[in-house]
Amino acid sequence: MQGISPVFVLEGKAPTLKHNTIAKRNNVRSGFRERKTADKKGRTHFNRILKECKEMLQLMGLACVQGHGEAEAMCAYLNEDGVIYFLYQ
């Protein structure tokens, strides 16, 4: 690809500050089921899809990075460190 190597950056663990926001989203999506059930199922489903995406990208031979936190923070770090030169989100 003309010297361009894509690097896929995946979400890591959500920061503690976002837990309430994530819980509210999960409650809305699940029709306000019991909060703990909705939170757990929503995040578990997201993590399963993320894992499948990571496996698929690796099987395709594409570079894939998963940070400890949000993907945006990892992209900023990679850019600051000179590993990446362009970001498309």
PDB file of N, CA and C in Angstrom:
ATOM      1  N   MET A   1       0.836  -1.201   0.000  1.00  0.00           N
ATOM      2  CA  MET A   1       0.000   0.000   0.000  1.00  0.00           C
ATOM      3  C   MET A   1       0.871   1.251   0.000  1.00  0.00           C
ATOM      4  N   GLN A   2       1.763   1.359  -0.924  1.00  0.00           N
ATOM      5  CA  GLN A   2       2.597   2.538  -1.109  1.00  0.00           C
ATOM      6  C   GLN A   2       3.319   2.962   0.166  1.00  0.00           C
ATOM      7  N   GLY A   3       3.835   2.002   0.907  1.00  0.00           N
ATOM      8  CA  GLY A   3       4.590   2.311   2.113  1.00  0.00           C
ATOM      9  C   GLY A   3       3.755   2.665   3.325  1.00  0.00           C
ATOM     10  N   ILE A   4       2.454   2.493   3.218  1.00  0.00           N
ATOM     11  CA  ILE A   4       1.569   2.802   4.347  1.00  0.00           C
ATOM     12  C   ILE A   4       1.187   1.497   5.035  1.00  0.00           C
ATOM     13  N   SER A   5       1.422   1.431   6.319  1.00  0.00           N
ATOM     14  CA  SER A   5       1.065   0.248   7.109  1.00  0.00           C
ATOM     15  C   SER A   5       0.002   0.624   8.135  1.00  0.00           C
ATOM     16  N   PRO A   6      -1.216   0.133   7.959  1.00  0.00           N
ATOM     17  CA  PRO A   6      -2.259   0.475   8.937  1.00  0.00           C
ATOM     18  C   PRO A   6      -2.006  -0.205  10.282  1.00  0.00           C
ATOM     19  N   VAL A   7      -2.317   0.503  11.340  1.00  0.00           N
ATOM     20  CA  VAL A   7      -2.236  -0.027  12.697  1.00  0.00           C
ATOM     21  C   VAL A   7      -3.602   0.195  13.329  1.00  0.00           C
ATOM     22  N   PHE A   8      -4.243  -0.873  13.745  1.00  0.00           N
ATOM     23  CA  PHE A   8      -5.556  -0.772  14.376  1.00  0.00           C
ATOM     24  C   PHE A   8      -5.372  -0.683  15.885  1.00  0.00           C
ATOM     25  N   VAL A   9      -5.962   0.345  16.478  1.00  0.00           N
ATOM     26  CA  VAL A   9      -5.854   0.564  17.916  1.00  0.00           C
ATOM     27  C   VAL A   9      -7.213   0.272  18.540  1.00  0.00           C
ATOM     28  N   LEU A  10      -7.224  -0.687  19.463  1.00  0.00           N
ATOM     29  CA  LEU A  10      -8.471  -1.130  20.086  1.00  0.00           C
ATOM     30  C   LEU A  10      -8.605  -0.594  21.503  1.00  0.00           C
ATOM     31  N   GLU A  11      -9.841  -0.488  21.940  1.00  0.00           N
ATOM     32  CA  GLU A  11     -10.135  -0.026  23.294  1.00  0.00           C
ATOM     33  C   GLU A  11      -9.576  -0.986  24.330  1.00  0.00           C
ATOM     34  N   GLY A  12      -9.106  -0.437  25.419  1.00  0.00           N
ATOM     35  CA  GLY A  12      -8.702  -1.224  26.579  1.00  0.00           C
ATOM     36  C   GLY A  12      -9.779  -1.083  27.645  1.00  0.00           C
ATOM     37  N   LYS A  13      -9.391  -1.161  28.881  1.00  0.00           N
ATOM     38  CA  LYS A  13     -10.335  -1.031  29.987  1.00  0.00           C
ATOM     39  C   LYS A  13     -10.790   0.426  30.098  1.00  0.00           C
ATOM     40  N   ALA A  14     -12.090   0.611  30.281  1.00  0.00           N
ATOM     41  CA  ALA A  14     -12.639   1.959  30.420  1.00  0.00           C
ATOM     42  C   ALA A  14     -12.172   2.585  31.731  1.00  0.00           C
ATOM     43  N   PRO A  15     -11.845   3.887  31.701  1.00  0.00           N
ATOM     44  CA  PRO A  15     -11.424   4.545  32.934  1.00  0.00           C
ATOM     45  C   PRO A  15     -12.570   4.617  33.943  1.00  0.00           C
ATOM     46  N   THR A  16     -12.215   4.656  35.204  1.00  0.00           N
ATOM     47  CA  THR A  16     -13.203   4.693  36.285  1.00  0.00           C
ATOM     48  C   THR A  16     -14.171   5.856  36.116  1.00  0.00           C
ATOM     49  N   LEU A  17     -13.699   6.982  35.627  1.00  0.00           N
ATOM     50  CA  LEU A  17     -14.559   8.150  35.446  1.00  0.00           C
ATOM     51  C   LEU A  17     -15.718   7.890  34.488  1.00  0.00           C
ATOM     52  N   LYS A  18     -15.571   6.929  33.592  1.00  0.00           N
ATOM     53  CA  LYS A  18     -16.620   6.643  32.610  1.00  0.00           C
ATOM     54  C   LYS A  18     -17.599   5.560  33.052  1.00  0.00           C
ATOM     55  N   HIS A  19     -17.375   4.938  34.190  1.00  0.00           N
ATOM     56  CA  HIS A  19     -18.225   3.821  34.604  1.00  0.00           C
ATOM     57  C   HIS A  19     -19.697   4.205  34.709  1.00  0.00           C
ATOM     58  N   ASN A  20     -20.009   5.363  35.279  1.00  0.00           N
ATOM     59  CA  ASN A  20     -21.410   5.778  35.392  1.00  0.00           C
ATOM     60  C   ASN A  20     -22.033   6.018  34.027  1.00  0.00           C
ATOM     61  N   THR A  21     -21.287   6.641  33.132  1.00  0.00           N
ATOM     62  CA  THR A  21     -21.797   6.890  31.780  1.00  0.00           C
ATOM     63  C   THR A  21     -22.063   5.581  31.053  1.00  0.00           C
ATOM     64  N   ILE A  22     -21.150   4.648  31.157  1.00  0.00           N
ATOM     65  CA  ILE A  22     -21.323   3.340  30.519  1.00  0.00           C
ATOM     66  C   ILE A  22     -22.534   2.623  31.102  1.00  0.00           C
ATOM     67  N   ALA A  23     -22.700   2.698  32.423  1.00  0.00           N
ATOM     68  CA  ALA A  23     -23.843   2.053  33.078  1.00  0.00           C
ATOM     69  C   ALA A  23     -25.154   2.641  32.571  1.00  0.00           C
ATOM     70  N   LYS A  24     -25.216   3.956  32.424  1.00  0.00           N
ATOM     71  CA  LYS A  24     -26.442   4.597  31.920  1.00  0.00           C
ATOM     72  C   LYS A  24     -26.743   4.147  30.495  1.00  0.00           C
ATOM     73  N   ARG A  25     -25.719   4.102  29.651  1.00  0.00           N
ATOM     74  CA  ARG A  25     -25.919   3.644  28.266  1.00  0.00           C
ATOM     75  C   ARG A  25     -26.451   2.220  28.234  1.00  0.00           C
ATOM     76  N   ASN A  26     -25.853   1.360  29.048  1.00  0.00           N
ATOM     77  CA  ASN A  26     -26.292  -0.036  29.079  1.00  0.00           C
ATOM     78  C   ASN A  26     -27.725  -0.157  29.567  1.00  0.00           C
ATOM     79  N   ASN A  27     -28.106   0.654  30.553  1.00  0.00           N
ATOM     80  CA  ASN A  27     -29.475   0.620  31.061  1.00  0.00           C
ATOM     81  C   ASN A  27     -30.467   1.048  29.988  1.00  0.00           C
ATOM     82  N   VAL A  28     -30.131   2.078  29.235  1.00  0.00           N
ATOM     83  CA  VAL A  28     -31.016   2.549  28.169  1.00  0.00           C
ATOM     84  C   VAL A  28     -31.152   1.482  27.093  1.00  0.00           C
ATOM     85  N   ARG A  29     -30.041   0.899  26.699  1.00  0.00           N
ATOM     86  CA  ARG A  29     -30.057  -0.122  25.644  1.00  0.00           C
ATOM     87  C   ARG A  29     -30.797  -1.381  26.062  1.00  0.00           C
ATOM     88  N   SER A  30     -30.767  -1.690  27.334  1.00  0.00           N
ATOM     89  CA  SER A  30     -31.378  -2.938  27.790  1.00  0.00           C
ATOM     90  C   SER A  30     -32.803  -2.745  28.280  1.00  0.00           C
ATOM     91  N   GLY A  31     -33.367  -1.571  28.094  1.00  0.00           N
ATOM     92  CA  GLY A  31     -34.742  -1.349  28.526  1.00  0.00           C
ATOM     93  C   GLY A  31     -34.871  -1.247  30.037  1.00  0.00           C
ATOM     94  N   PHE A  32     -33.847  -0.732  30.693  1.00  0.00           N
ATOM     95  CA  PHE A  32     -33.851  -0.501  32.138  1.00  0.00           C
ATOM     96  C   PHE A  32     -34.019  -1.769  32.954  1.00  0.00           C
ATOM     97  N   ARG A  33     -33.374  -2.847  32.526  1.00  0.00           N
ATOM     98  CA  ARG A  33     -33.334  -4.045  33.371  1.00  0.00           C
ATOM     99  C   ARG A  33     -32.574  -3.706  34.638  1.00  0.00           C
ATOM    100  N   GLU A  34     -32.506  -4.655  35.518  1.00  0.00           N
ATOM    101  CA  GLU A  34     -31.758  -4.408  36.751  1.00  0.00           C
ATOM    102  C   GLU A  34     -30.354  -3.931  36.389  1.00  0.00           C
ATOM    103  N   ARG A  35     -29.908  -2.862  37.028  1.00  0.00           N
ATOM    104  CA  ARG A  35     -28.678  -2.168  36.647  1.00  0.00           C
ATOM    105  C   ARG A  35     -27.452  -3.076  36.567  1.00  0.00           C
ATOM    106  N   LYS A  36     -27.197  -3.874  37.585  1.00  0.00           N
ATOM    107  CA  LYS A  36     -25.994  -4.713  37.578  1.00  0.00           C
ATOM    108  C   LYS A  36     -26.016  -5.711  36.430  1.00  0.00           C
ATOM    109  N   THR A  37     -27.174  -6.264  36.153  1.00  0.00           N
ATOM    110  CA  THR A  37     -27.298  -7.224  35.056  1.00  0.00           C
ATOM    111  C   THR A  37     -27.024  -6.541  33.723  1.00  0.00           C
ATOM    112  N   ALA A  38     -27.623  -5.368  33.529  1.00  0.00           N
ATOM    113  CA  ALA A  38     -27.440  -4.638  32.277  1.00  0.00           C
ATOM    114  C   ALA A  38     -25.987  -4.221  32.098  1.00  0.00           C
ATOM    115  N   ASP A  39     -25.361  -3.722  33.169  1.00  0.00           N
ATOM    116  CA  ASP A  39     -23.966  -3.292  33.092  1.00  0.00           C
ATOM    117  C   ASP A  39     -23.063  -4.448  32.699  1.00  0.00           C
ATOM    118  N   LYS A  40     -23.225  -5.568  33.375  1.00  0.00           N
ATOM    119  CA  LYS A  40     -22.357  -6.719  33.150  1.00  0.00           C
ATOM    120  C   LYS A  40     -22.538  -7.281  31.742  1.00  0.00           C
ATOM    121  N   LYS A  41     -23.789  -7.439  31.312  1.00  0.00           N
ATOM    122  CA  LYS A  41     -24.036  -8.002  29.984  1.00  0.00           C
ATOM    123  C   LYS A  41     -23.539  -7.075  28.885  1.00  0.00           C
ATOM    124  N   GLY A  42     -23.760  -5.776  29.044  1.00  0.00           N
ATOM    125  CA  GLY A  42     -23.334  -4.820  28.024  1.00  0.00           C
ATOM    126  C   GLY A  42     -21.829  -4.821  27.838  1.00  0.00           C
ATOM    127  N   ARG A  43     -21.101  -4.758  28.930  1.00  0.00           N
ATOM    128  CA  ARG A  43     -19.638  -4.713  28.855  1.00  0.00           C
ATOM    129  C   ARG A  43     -19.071  -6.060  28.402  1.00  0.00           C
ATOM    130  N   THR A  44     -19.669  -7.151  28.861  1.00  0.00           N
ATOM    131  CA  THR A  44     -19.214  -8.479  28.453  1.00  0.00           C
ATOM    132  C   THR A  44     -19.376  -8.654  26.945  1.00  0.00           C
ATOM    133  N   HIS A  45     -20.510  -8.215  26.422  1.00  0.00           N
ATOM    134  CA  HIS A  45     -20.773  -8.311  24.983  1.00  0.00           C
ATOM    135  C   HIS A  45     -19.751  -7.479  24.202  1.00  0.00           C
ATOM    136  N   PHE A  46     -19.496  -6.258  24.663  1.00  0.00           N
ATOM    137  CA  PHE A  46     -18.518  -5.383  24.010  1.00  0.00           C
ATOM    138  C   PHE A  46     -17.134  -6.026  24.008  1.00  0.00           C
ATOM    139  N   ASN A  47     -16.730  -6.566  25.138  1.00  0.00           N
ATOM    140  CA  ASN A  47     -15.406  -7.196  25.242  1.00  0.00           C
ATOM    141  C   ASN A  47     -15.285  -8.418  24.342  1.00  0.00           C
ATOM    142  N   ARG A  48     -16.373  -9.178  24.200  1.00  0.00           N
ATOM    143  CA  ARG A  48     -16.354 -10.347  23.320  1.00  0.00           C
ATOM    144  C   ARG A  48     -16.172  -9.914  21.858  1.00  0.00           C
ATOM    145  N   ILE A  49     -16.896  -8.890  21.451  1.00  0.00           N
ATOM    146  CA  ILE A  49     -16.774  -8.385  20.079  1.00  0.00           C
ATOM    147  C   ILE A  49     -15.370  -7.832  19.840  1.00  0.00           C
ATOM    148  N   LEU A  50     -14.842  -7.113  20.822  1.00  0.00           N
ATOM    149  CA  LEU A  50     -13.493  -6.560  20.716  1.00  0.00           C
ATOM    150  C   LEU A  50     -12.460  -7.668  20.542  1.00  0.00           C
ATOM    151  N   LYS A  51     -12.609  -8.734  21.303  1.00  0.00           N
ATOM    152  CA  LYS A  51     -11.692  -9.876  21.206  1.00  0.00           C
ATOM    153  C   LYS A  51     -11.773 -10.521  19.820  1.00  0.00           C
ATOM    154  N   GLU A  52     -12.991 -10.676  19.295  1.00  0.00           N
ATOM    155  CA  GLU A  52     -13.166 -11.259  17.963  1.00  0.00           C
ATOM    156  C   GLU A  52     -12.538 -10.373  16.889  1.00  0.00           C
ATOM    157  N   CYS A  53     -12.702  -9.063  17.021  1.00  0.00           N
ATOM    158  CA  CYS A  53     -12.096  -8.131  16.060  1.00  0.00           C
ATOM    159  C   CYS A  53     -10.579  -8.233  16.090  1.00  0.00           C
ATOM    160  N   LYS A  54     -10.028  -8.300  17.288  1.00  0.00           N
ATOM    161  CA  LYS A  54      -8.575  -8.407  17.445  1.00  0.00           C
ATOM    162  C   LYS A  54      -8.063  -9.688  16.790  1.00  0.00           C
ATOM    163  N   GLU A  55      -8.751 -10.802  17.024  1.00  0.00           N
ATOM    164  CA  GLU A  55      -8.357 -12.082  16.424  1.00  0.00           C
ATOM    165  C   GLU A  55      -8.437 -12.025  14.903  1.00  0.00           C
ATOM    166  N   MET A  56      -9.509 -11.423  14.376  1.00  0.00           N
ATOM    167  CA  MET A  56      -9.692 -11.323  12.935  1.00  0.00           C
ATOM    168  C   MET A  56      -8.579 -10.486  12.303  1.00  0.00           C
ATOM    169  N   LEU A  57      -8.267  -9.345  12.912  1.00  0.00           N
ATOM    170  CA  LEU A  57      -7.207  -8.487  12.387  1.00  0.00           C
ATOM    171  C   LEU A  57      -5.863  -9.209  12.384  1.00  0.00           C
ATOM    172  N   GLN A  58      -5.581  -9.939  13.456  1.00  0.00           N
ATOM    173  CA  GLN A  58      -4.322 -10.679  13.543  1.00  0.00           C
ATOM    174  C   GLN A  58      -4.257 -11.793  12.505  1.00  0.00           C
ATOM    175  N   LEU A  59      -5.374 -12.482  12.276  1.00  0.00           N
ATOM    176  CA  LEU A  59      -5.409 -13.541  11.264  1.00  0.00           C
ATOM    177  C   LEU A  59      -5.198 -12.983   9.860  1.00  0.00           C
ATOM    178  N   MET A  60      -5.611 -11.737   9.658  1.00  0.00           N
ATOM    179  CA  MET A  60      -5.424 -11.077   8.366  1.00  0.00           C
ATOM    180  C   MET A  60      -4.014 -10.500   8.223  1.00  0.00           C
ATOM    181  N   GLY A  61      -3.206 -10.626   9.279  1.00  0.00           N
ATOM    182  CA  GLY A  61      -1.838 -10.136   9.241  1.00  0.00           C
ATOM    183  C   GLY A  61      -1.710  -8.634   9.429  1.00  0.00           C
ATOM    184  N   LEU A  62      -2.729  -8.016  10.016  1.00  0.00           N
ATOM    185  CA  LEU A  62      -2.705  -6.570  10.223  1.00  0.00           C
ATOM    186  C   LEU A  62      -2.231  -6.235  11.635  1.00  0.00           C
ATOM    187  N   ALA A  63      -1.499  -5.136  11.752  1.00  0.00           N
ATOM    188  CA  ALA A  63      -0.998  -4.704  13.060  1.00  0.00           C
ATOM    189  C   ALA A  63      -2.165  -4.256  13.932  1.00  0.00           C
ATOM    190  N   CYS A  64      -2.130  -4.704  15.162  1.00  0.00           N
ATOM    191  CA  CYS A  64      -3.228  -4.434  16.089  1.00  0.00           C
ATOM    192  C   CYS A  64      -2.639  -4.163  17.473  1.00  0.00           C
ATOM    193  N   VAL A  65      -3.054  -3.058  18.087  1.00  0.00           N
ATOM    194  CA  VAL A  65      -2.557  -2.670  19.402  1.00  0.00           C
ATOM    195  C   VAL A  65      -3.749  -2.434  20.317  1.00  0.00           C
ATOM    196  N   GLN A  66      -3.644  -2.913  21.539  1.00  0.00           N
ATOM    197  CA  GLN A  66      -4.698  -2.657  22.522  1.00  0.00           C
ATOM    198  C   GLN A  66      -4.044  -2.042  23.750  1.00  0.00           C
ATOM    199  N   GLY A  67      -4.458  -0.826  24.060  1.00  0.00           N
ATOM    200  CA  GLY A  67      -3.879  -0.120  25.199  1.00  0.00           C
ATOM    201  C   GLY A  67      -4.507  -0.556  26.512  1.00  0.00           C
ATOM    202  N   HIS A  68      -4.026   0.060  27.581  1.00  0.00           N
ATOM    203  CA  HIS A  68      -4.572  -0.242  28.905  1.00  0.00           C
ATOM    204  C   HIS A  68      -5.857   0.534  29.160  1.00  0.00           C
ATOM    205  N   GLY A  69      -6.101   1.572  28.381  1.00  0.00           N
ATOM    206  CA  GLY A  69      -7.274   2.422  28.572  1.00  0.00           C
ATOM    207  C   GLY A  69      -7.964   2.681  27.253  1.00  0.00           C
ATOM    208  N   GLU A  70      -8.389   3.912  27.072  1.00  0.00           N
ATOM    209  CA  GLU A  70      -9.120   4.268  25.862  1.00  0.00           C
ATOM    210  C   GLU A  70      -8.200   4.291  24.635  1.00  0.00           C
ATOM    211  N   ALA A  71      -8.775   3.951  23.495  1.00  0.00           N
ATOM    212  CA  ALA A  71      -8.010   3.897  22.249  1.00  0.00           C
ATOM    213  C   ALA A  71      -7.457   5.270  21.871  1.00  0.00           C
ATOM    214  N   GLU A  72      -8.229   6.327  22.139  1.00  0.00           N
ATOM    215  CA  GLU A  72      -7.780   7.678  21.799  1.00  0.00           C
ATOM    216  C   GLU A  72      -6.484   8.026  22.534  1.00  0.00           C
ATOM    217  N   ALA A  73      -6.393   7.635  23.792  1.00  0.00           N
ATOM    218  CA  ALA A  73      -5.186   7.904  24.576  1.00  0.00           C
ATOM    219  C   ALA A  73      -3.997   7.135  24.000  1.00  0.00           C
ATOM    220  N   MET A  74      -4.238   5.912  23.580  1.00  0.00           N
ATOM    221  CA  MET A  74      -3.171   5.106  22.987  1.00  0.00           C
ATOM    222  C   MET A  74      -2.712   5.722  21.670  1.00  0.00           C
ATOM    223  N   CYS A  75      -3.650   6.203  20.863  1.00  0.00           N
ATOM    224  CA  CYS A  75      -3.297   6.856  19.597  1.00  0.00           C
ATOM    225  C   CYS A  75      -2.451   8.105  19.851  1.00  0.00           C
ATOM    226  N   ALA A  76      -2.827   8.882  20.855  1.00  0.00           N
ATOM    227  CA  ALA A  76      -2.059  10.085  21.195  1.00  0.00           C
ATOM    228  C   ALA A  76      -0.636   9.710  21.596  1.00  0.00           C
ATOM    229  N   TYR A  77      -0.508   8.648  22.370  1.00  0.00           N
ATOM    230  CA  TYR A  77       0.819   8.178  22.793  1.00  0.00           C
ATOM    231  C   TYR A  77       1.645   7.729  21.586  1.00  0.00           C
ATOM    232  N   LEU A  78       1.040   6.941  20.692  1.00  0.00           N
ATOM    233  CA  LEU A  78       1.754   6.457  19.506  1.00  0.00           C
ATOM    234  C   LEU A  78       2.190   7.616  18.614  1.00  0.00           C
ATOM    235  N   ASN A  79       1.344   8.627  18.506  1.00  0.00           N
ATOM    236  CA  ASN A  79       1.677   9.804  17.714  1.00  0.00           C
ATOM    237  C   ASN A  79       2.817  10.592  18.363  1.00  0.00           C
ATOM    238  N   GLU A  80       2.726  10.799  19.658  1.00  0.00           N
ATOM    239  CA  GLU A  80       3.762  11.528  20.399  1.00  0.00           C
ATOM    240  C   GLU A  80       5.114  10.820  20.298  1.00  0.00           C
ATOM    241  N   ASP A  81       5.073   9.495  20.301  1.00  0.00           N
ATOM    242  CA  ASP A  81       6.298   8.690  20.255  1.00  0.00           C
ATOM    243  C   ASP A  81       6.844   8.531  18.829  1.00  0.00           C
ATOM    244  N   GLY A  82       6.110   9.053  17.835  1.00  0.00           N
ATOM    245  CA  GLY A  82       6.566   8.985  16.454  1.00  0.00           C
ATOM    246  C   GLY A  82       6.322   7.651  15.771  1.00  0.00           C
ATOM    247  N   VAL A  83       5.487   6.800  16.368  1.00  0.00           N
ATOM    248  CA  VAL A  83       5.192   5.488  15.785  1.00  0.00           C
ATOM    249  C   VAL A  83       4.187   5.625  14.648  1.00  0.00           C
ATOM    250  N   ILE A  84       3.242   6.550  14.795  1.00  0.00           N
ATOM    251  CA  ILE A  84       2.249   6.792  13.746  1.00  0.00           C
ATOM    252  C   ILE A  84       2.358   8.249  13.291  1.00  0.00           C
ATOM    253  N   TYR A  85       1.909   8.492  12.071  1.00  0.00           N
ATOM    254  CA  TYR A  85       1.997   9.834  11.516  1.00  0.00           C
ATOM    255  C   TYR A  85       0.645  10.351  11.052  1.00  0.00           C
ATOM    256  N   PHE A  86      -0.355   9.515  11.093  1.00  0.00           N
ATOM    257  CA  PHE A  86      -1.685   9.906  10.644  1.00  0.00           C
ATOM    258  C   PHE A  86      -2.697   9.090  11.415  1.00  0.00           C
ATOM    259  N   LEU A  87      -3.808   9.715  11.736  1.00  0.00           N
ATOM    260  CA  LEU A  87      -4.859   9.029  12.483  1.00  0.00           C
ATOM    261  C   LEU A  87      -6.187   9.250  11.795  1.00  0.00           C
ATOM    262  N   TYR A  88      -6.897   8.179  11.559  1.00  0.00           N
ATOM    263  CA  TYR A  88      -8.251   8.255  11.012  1.00  0.00           C
ATOM    264  C   TYR A  88      -9.157   7.554  11.992  1.00  0.00           C
ATOM    265  N   GLN A  89     -10.143   8.279  12.469  1.00  0.00           N
ATOM    266  CA  GLN A  89     -11.008   7.728  13.504  1.00  0.00           C
ATOM    267  C   GLN A  89     -12.420   7.606  13.015  1.00  0.00           C
TER     268      GLN A  89
END
